[in-house]
Amino acid sequence: MKNIYLVGFMGSGKSTVGRILAEKLNMNFVDVDQLIEEEEKMKISDIFKKKGEKYFRELERRKIKDLTKGENLVISTGGGLGADRENMDLMKKTGFVVWLDVSLDEIIKRCEGDKNRPLLNQPYENIKKLYEKRKPVYKMANIHIKTDSKNPEKIAEEVIDAYIHRH
């Protein structure tokens, strides 16, 4: 089966929905952020602090290139990975890209107090700018699912429905 890539802003539910999808479709689940943390032997927030965002984005780019060579994967991408045009093009060529769209207010609510999300530790206006900047690339996904008032099971069902009808 073709890979399913989940993109969206941090806190949109990519990892949670991804695990459910993988189980229901009998595919393998991969969390890009988790892979990077394991390989670097440090949290993403520490990678940002010690090596910088540019270094981290390069790690993401290399990781997604490797993963696109695989099959039968449900891949949860980091918020920035899916907002990169080059990464988006690569994912669309090798699978089915799903944008889990969540409102900024819901993101703030879900991620409040999460110290492992370095880009959220800044003023609201900056987060809003980043969110708006990423949306045009997220919109390039094969499908767009609004997630604010839905539970992960319902979202997974919508993804499966779209995936099956598009292939």
C-alpha atoms as a PDB file:
ATOM      1  CA  MET A   1       0.000   0.000   0.000  1.00  0.00           C
ATOM      2  CA  LYS A   2       1.059   3.558  -0.655  1.00  0.00           C
ATOM      3  CA  ASN A   3       2.323   5.558   2.296  1.00  0.00           C
ATOM      4  CA  ILE A   4       0.003   7.911   4.150  1.00  0.00           C
ATOM      5  CA  TYR A   5       1.636  11.133   5.317  1.00  0.00           C
ATOM      6  CA  LEU A   6      -0.007  13.218   8.025  1.00  0.00           C
ATOM      7  CA  VAL A   7       0.835  16.923   7.965  1.00  0.00           C
ATOM      8  CA  GLY A   8      -0.376  19.828  10.058  1.00  0.00           C
ATOM      9  CA  PHE A   9       0.622  22.270  12.739  1.00  0.00           C
ATOM     10  CA  MET A  10       1.990  21.016  16.061  1.00  0.00           C
ATOM     11  CA  GLY A  11      -0.795  19.675  18.248  1.00  0.00           C
ATOM     12  CA  SER A  12      -3.054  18.736  15.332  1.00  0.00           C
ATOM     13  CA  GLY A  13      -3.114  15.063  16.349  1.00  0.00           C
ATOM     14  CA  LYS A  14      -0.797  13.590  13.715  1.00  0.00           C
ATOM     15  CA  SER A  15       0.827  11.025  16.021  1.00  0.00           C
ATOM     16  CA  THR A  16      -2.405  10.013  17.751  1.00  0.00           C
ATOM     17  CA  VAL A  17      -4.365   9.662  14.497  1.00  0.00           C
ATOM     18  CA  GLY A  18      -1.370   8.034  12.798  1.00  0.00           C
ATOM     19  CA  ARG A  19      -1.213   5.207  15.344  1.00  0.00           C
ATOM     20  CA  ILE A  20      -4.946   4.526  14.937  1.00  0.00           C
ATOM     21  CA  LEU A  21      -4.664   4.566  11.129  1.00  0.00           C
ATOM     22  CA  ALA A  22      -1.710   2.186  11.110  1.00  0.00           C
ATOM     23  CA  GLU A  23      -3.550  -0.251  13.334  1.00  0.00           C
ATOM     24  CA  LYS A  24      -6.796  -0.133  11.330  1.00  0.00           C
ATOM     25  CA  LEU A  25      -5.031  -0.441   7.955  1.00  0.00           C
ATOM     26  CA  ASN A  26      -2.448  -2.969   9.135  1.00  0.00           C
ATOM     27  CA  MET A  27       0.373  -0.614   8.173  1.00  0.00           C
ATOM     28  CA  ASN A  28       3.489   0.427  10.095  1.00  0.00           C
ATOM     29  CA  PHE A  29       3.451   3.694  12.052  1.00  0.00           C
ATOM     30  CA  VAL A  30       6.440   6.049  11.925  1.00  0.00           C
ATOM     31  CA  ASP A  31       6.772   9.301  13.858  1.00  0.00           C
ATOM     32  CA  VAL A  32       9.499  11.394  12.214  1.00  0.00           C
ATOM     33  CA  ASP A  33      10.097  13.492  15.345  1.00  0.00           C
ATOM     34  CA  GLN A  34      10.500  10.347  17.452  1.00  0.00           C
ATOM     35  CA  LEU A  35      12.968   8.856  14.939  1.00  0.00           C
ATOM     36  CA  ILE A  36      15.044  12.031  15.013  1.00  0.00           C
ATOM     37  CA  GLU A  37      15.047  12.118  18.816  1.00  0.00           C
ATOM     38  CA  GLU A  38      16.191   8.489  18.949  1.00  0.00           C
ATOM     39  CA  GLU A  39      18.964   9.015  16.395  1.00  0.00           C
ATOM     40  CA  GLU A  40      20.202  12.271  17.930  1.00  0.00           C
ATOM     41  CA  LYS A  41      19.745  10.917  21.474  1.00  0.00           C
ATOM     42  CA  MET A  42      18.086  14.168  22.574  1.00  0.00           C
ATOM     43  CA  LYS A  43      14.675  15.852  22.641  1.00  0.00           C
ATOM     44  CA  ILE A  44      13.729  18.107  19.736  1.00  0.00           C
ATOM     45  CA  SER A  45      13.640  21.091  22.090  1.00  0.00           C
ATOM     46  CA  ASP A  46      17.303  20.342  22.957  1.00  0.00           C
ATOM     47  CA  ILE A  47      18.248  19.930  19.279  1.00  0.00           C
ATOM     48  CA  PHE A  48      16.763  23.402  18.660  1.00  0.00           C
ATOM     49  CA  LYS A  49      18.681  24.855  21.622  1.00  0.00           C
ATOM     50  CA  LYS A  50      22.024  23.183  20.995  1.00  0.00           C
ATOM     51  CA  LYS A  51      22.189  22.849  17.212  1.00  0.00           C
ATOM     52  CA  GLY A  52      19.565  25.246  15.884  1.00  0.00           C
ATOM     53  CA  GLU A  53      16.423  25.035  13.788  1.00  0.00           C
ATOM     54  CA  LYS A  54      18.327  24.895  10.473  1.00  0.00           C
ATOM     55  CA  TYR A  55      20.158  21.738  11.591  1.00  0.00           C
ATOM     56  CA  PHE A  56      16.864  20.179  12.708  1.00  0.00           C
ATOM     57  CA  ARG A  57      15.126  20.977   9.378  1.00  0.00           C
ATOM     58  CA  GLU A  58      17.968  19.280   7.522  1.00  0.00           C
ATOM     59  CA  LEU A  59      17.544  16.172   9.689  1.00  0.00           C
ATOM     60  CA  GLU A  60      13.816  16.185   8.837  1.00  0.00           C
ATOM     61  CA  ARG A  61      14.512  16.535   5.120  1.00  0.00           C
ATOM     62  CA  ARG A  62      16.936  13.595   5.122  1.00  0.00           C
ATOM     63  CA  LYS A  63      14.573  11.456   7.202  1.00  0.00           C
ATOM     64  CA  ILE A  64      11.545  12.028   4.948  1.00  0.00           C
ATOM     65  CA  LYS A  65      13.638  11.250   1.844  1.00  0.00           C
ATOM     66  CA  ASP A  66      14.560   7.899   3.402  1.00  0.00           C
ATOM     67  CA  LEU A  67      10.978   7.153   4.444  1.00  0.00           C
ATOM     68  CA  THR A  68       9.514   7.906   0.997  1.00  0.00           C
ATOM     69  CA  LYS A  69      11.451   4.903  -0.295  1.00  0.00           C
ATOM     70  CA  GLY A  70       9.364   2.642   1.938  1.00  0.00           C
ATOM     71  CA  GLU A  71       5.832   1.340   1.519  1.00  0.00           C
ATOM     72  CA  ASN A  72       2.917   0.471   3.767  1.00  0.00           C
ATOM     73  CA  LEU A  73       3.775   3.277   6.200  1.00  0.00           C
ATOM     74  CA  VAL A  74       1.653   5.795   8.074  1.00  0.00           C
ATOM     75  CA  ILE A  75       4.015   8.686   8.701  1.00  0.00           C
ATOM     76  CA  SER A  76       3.445  11.442  11.236  1.00  0.00           C
ATOM     77  CA  THR A  77       5.526  14.440  10.154  1.00  0.00           C
ATOM     78  CA  GLY A  78       6.677  17.324  12.309  1.00  0.00           C
ATOM     79  CA  GLY A  79       4.745  20.583  11.868  1.00  0.00           C
ATOM     80  CA  GLY A  80       7.562  22.201   9.884  1.00  0.00           C
ATOM     81  CA  LEU A  81       8.374  19.190   7.730  1.00  0.00           C
ATOM     82  CA  GLY A  82       4.921  19.193   6.126  1.00  0.00           C
ATOM     83  CA  ALA A  83       5.094  22.956   5.600  1.00  0.00           C
ATOM     84  CA  ASP A  84       8.145  22.664   3.350  1.00  0.00           C
ATOM     85  CA  ARG A  85       7.222  22.732  -0.366  1.00  0.00           C
ATOM     86  CA  GLU A  86      10.022  20.355  -1.399  1.00  0.00           C
ATOM     87  CA  ASN A  87       9.017  17.820   1.256  1.00  0.00           C
ATOM     88  CA  MET A  88       5.348  18.170   0.268  1.00  0.00           C
ATOM     89  CA  ASP A  89       6.140  17.453  -3.403  1.00  0.00           C
ATOM     90  CA  LEU A  90       8.152  14.386  -2.441  1.00  0.00           C
ATOM     91  CA  MET A  91       5.397  13.060  -0.165  1.00  0.00           C
ATOM     92  CA  LYS A  92       2.706  13.578  -2.814  1.00  0.00           C
ATOM     93  CA  LYS A  93       4.770  11.665  -5.368  1.00  0.00           C
ATOM     94  CA  THR A  94       5.174   8.695  -3.047  1.00  0.00           C
ATOM     95  CA  GLY A  95       1.890   8.527  -1.190  1.00  0.00           C
ATOM     96  CA  PHE A  96      -1.287  10.121   0.075  1.00  0.00           C
ATOM     97  CA  VAL A  97      -0.905  13.361   2.048  1.00  0.00           C
ATOM     98  CA  VAL A  98      -3.502  14.321   4.663  1.00  0.00           C
ATOM     99  CA  TRP A  99      -3.638  17.780   6.246  1.00  0.00           C
ATOM    100  CA  LEU A 100      -5.060  17.610   9.772  1.00  0.00           C
ATOM    101  CA  ASP A 101      -6.261  21.177  10.083  1.00  0.00           C
ATOM    102  CA  VAL A 102      -6.793  22.511  13.578  1.00  0.00           C
ATOM    103  CA  SER A 103      -7.546  26.095  14.617  1.00  0.00           C
ATOM    104  CA  LEU A 104      -4.842  28.114  16.332  1.00  0.00           C
ATOM    105  CA  ASP A 105      -6.963  28.498  19.476  1.00  0.00           C
ATOM    106  CA  GLU A 106      -7.345  24.722  19.709  1.00  0.00           C
ATOM    107  CA  ILE A 107      -3.586  24.251  19.216  1.00  0.00           C
ATOM    108  CA  ILE A 108      -2.822  26.644  22.059  1.00  0.00           C
ATOM    109  CA  LYS A 109      -5.327  24.817  24.279  1.00  0.00           C
ATOM    110  CA  ARG A 110      -3.925  21.360  23.453  1.00  0.00           C
ATOM    111  CA  CYS A 111      -0.269  22.316  23.816  1.00  0.00           C
ATOM    112  CA  GLU A 112      -0.444  24.622  26.820  1.00  0.00           C
ATOM    113  CA  GLY A 113       2.489  24.046  29.119  1.00  0.00           C
ATOM    114  CA  ASP A 114       4.217  21.582  26.756  1.00  0.00           C
ATOM    115  CA  LYS A 115       7.918  22.363  27.112  1.00  0.00           C
ATOM    116  CA  ASN A 116       8.798  19.972  24.277  1.00  0.00           C
ATOM    117  CA  ARG A 117       7.367  22.281  21.633  1.00  0.00           C
ATOM    118  CA  PRO A 118      10.063  24.951  21.227  1.00  0.00           C
ATOM    119  CA  LEU A 119       8.162  26.991  18.643  1.00  0.00           C
ATOM    120  CA  LEU A 120       5.237  27.510  21.025  1.00  0.00           C
ATOM    121  CA  ASN A 121       7.390  29.215  23.665  1.00  0.00           C
ATOM    122  CA  GLN A 122       6.969  32.635  22.093  1.00  0.00           C
ATOM    123  CA  PRO A 123       4.360  35.396  21.849  1.00  0.00           C
ATOM    124  CA  TYR A 124       0.948  34.500  20.366  1.00  0.00           C
ATOM    125  CA  GLU A 125       1.469  36.884  17.409  1.00  0.00           C
ATOM    126  CA  ASN A 126       4.636  35.022  16.375  1.00  0.00           C
ATOM    127  CA  ILE A 127       2.875  31.657  16.593  1.00  0.00           C
ATOM    128  CA  LYS A 128      -0.005  33.054  14.519  1.00  0.00           C
ATOM    129  CA  LYS A 129       2.435  34.290  11.832  1.00  0.00           C
ATOM    130  CA  LEU A 130       4.105  30.873  11.673  1.00  0.00           C
ATOM    131  CA  TYR A 131       0.702  29.159  11.458  1.00  0.00           C
ATOM    132  CA  GLU A 132      -0.431  31.434   8.599  1.00  0.00           C
ATOM    133  CA  LYS A 133       2.894  31.023   6.789  1.00  0.00           C
ATOM    134  CA  ARG A 134       2.610  27.215   6.838  1.00  0.00           C
ATOM    135  CA  LYS A 135      -1.032  26.947   5.724  1.00  0.00           C
ATOM    136  CA  PRO A 136      -0.457  27.487   1.961  1.00  0.00           C
ATOM    137  CA  VAL A 137       1.858  24.461   1.832  1.00  0.00           C
ATOM    138  CA  TYR A 138      -0.419  22.325   4.019  1.00  0.00           C
ATOM    139  CA  LYS A 139      -3.227  23.142   1.556  1.00  0.00           C
ATOM    140  CA  MET A 140      -1.301  21.250  -1.146  1.00  0.00           C
ATOM    141  CA  ALA A 141      -2.124  17.946   0.614  1.00  0.00           C
ATOM    142  CA  ASN A 142      -4.353  15.414  -1.158  1.00  0.00           C
ATOM    143  CA  ILE A 143      -7.083  15.917   1.432  1.00  0.00           C
ATOM    144  CA  HIS A 144      -7.883  18.429   4.138  1.00  0.00           C
ATOM    145  CA  ILE A 145      -9.665  17.374   7.324  1.00  0.00           C
ATOM    146  CA  LYS A 146     -10.814  19.871   9.945  1.00  0.00           C
ATOM    147  CA  THR A 147     -10.149  18.287  13.316  1.00  0.00           C
ATOM    148  CA  ASP A 148     -11.218  20.773  16.007  1.00  0.00           C
ATOM    149  CA  SER A 149     -14.365  19.074  17.277  1.00  0.00           C
ATOM    150  CA  LYS A 150     -13.594  15.482  16.241  1.00  0.00           C
ATOM    151  CA  ASN A 151     -12.048  12.673  18.215  1.00  0.00           C
ATOM    152  CA  PRO A 152      -9.020  10.800  16.769  1.00  0.00           C
ATOM    153  CA  GLU A 153     -11.125   7.716  15.870  1.00  0.00           C
ATOM    154  CA  LYS A 154     -13.509   9.818  13.760  1.00  0.00           C
ATOM    155  CA  ILE A 155     -10.602  11.573  12.040  1.00  0.00           C
ATOM    156  CA  ALA A 156      -8.961   8.211  11.268  1.00  0.00           C
ATOM    157  CA  GLU A 157     -12.233   6.971   9.731  1.00  0.00           C
ATOM    158  CA  GLU A 158     -12.388  10.052   7.472  1.00  0.00           C
ATOM    159  CA  VAL A 159      -8.789   9.512   6.372  1.00  0.00           C
ATOM    160  CA  ILE A 160      -9.420   5.828   5.600  1.00  0.00           C
ATOM    161  CA  ASP A 161     -12.552   6.690   3.646  1.00  0.00           C
ATOM    162  CA  ALA A 162     -10.692   9.261   1.534  1.00  0.00           C
ATOM    163  CA  TYR A 163      -7.647   6.992   1.106  1.00  0.00           C
ATOM    164  CA  ILE A 164      -9.718   4.045  -0.108  1.00  0.00           C
ATOM    165  CA  HIS A 165     -11.785   6.162  -2.525  1.00  0.00           C
ATOM    166  CA  ARG A 166      -8.723   7.840  -4.039  1.00  0.00           C
ATOM    167  CA  HIS A 167      -6.797   4.620  -4.737  1.00  0.00           C
END
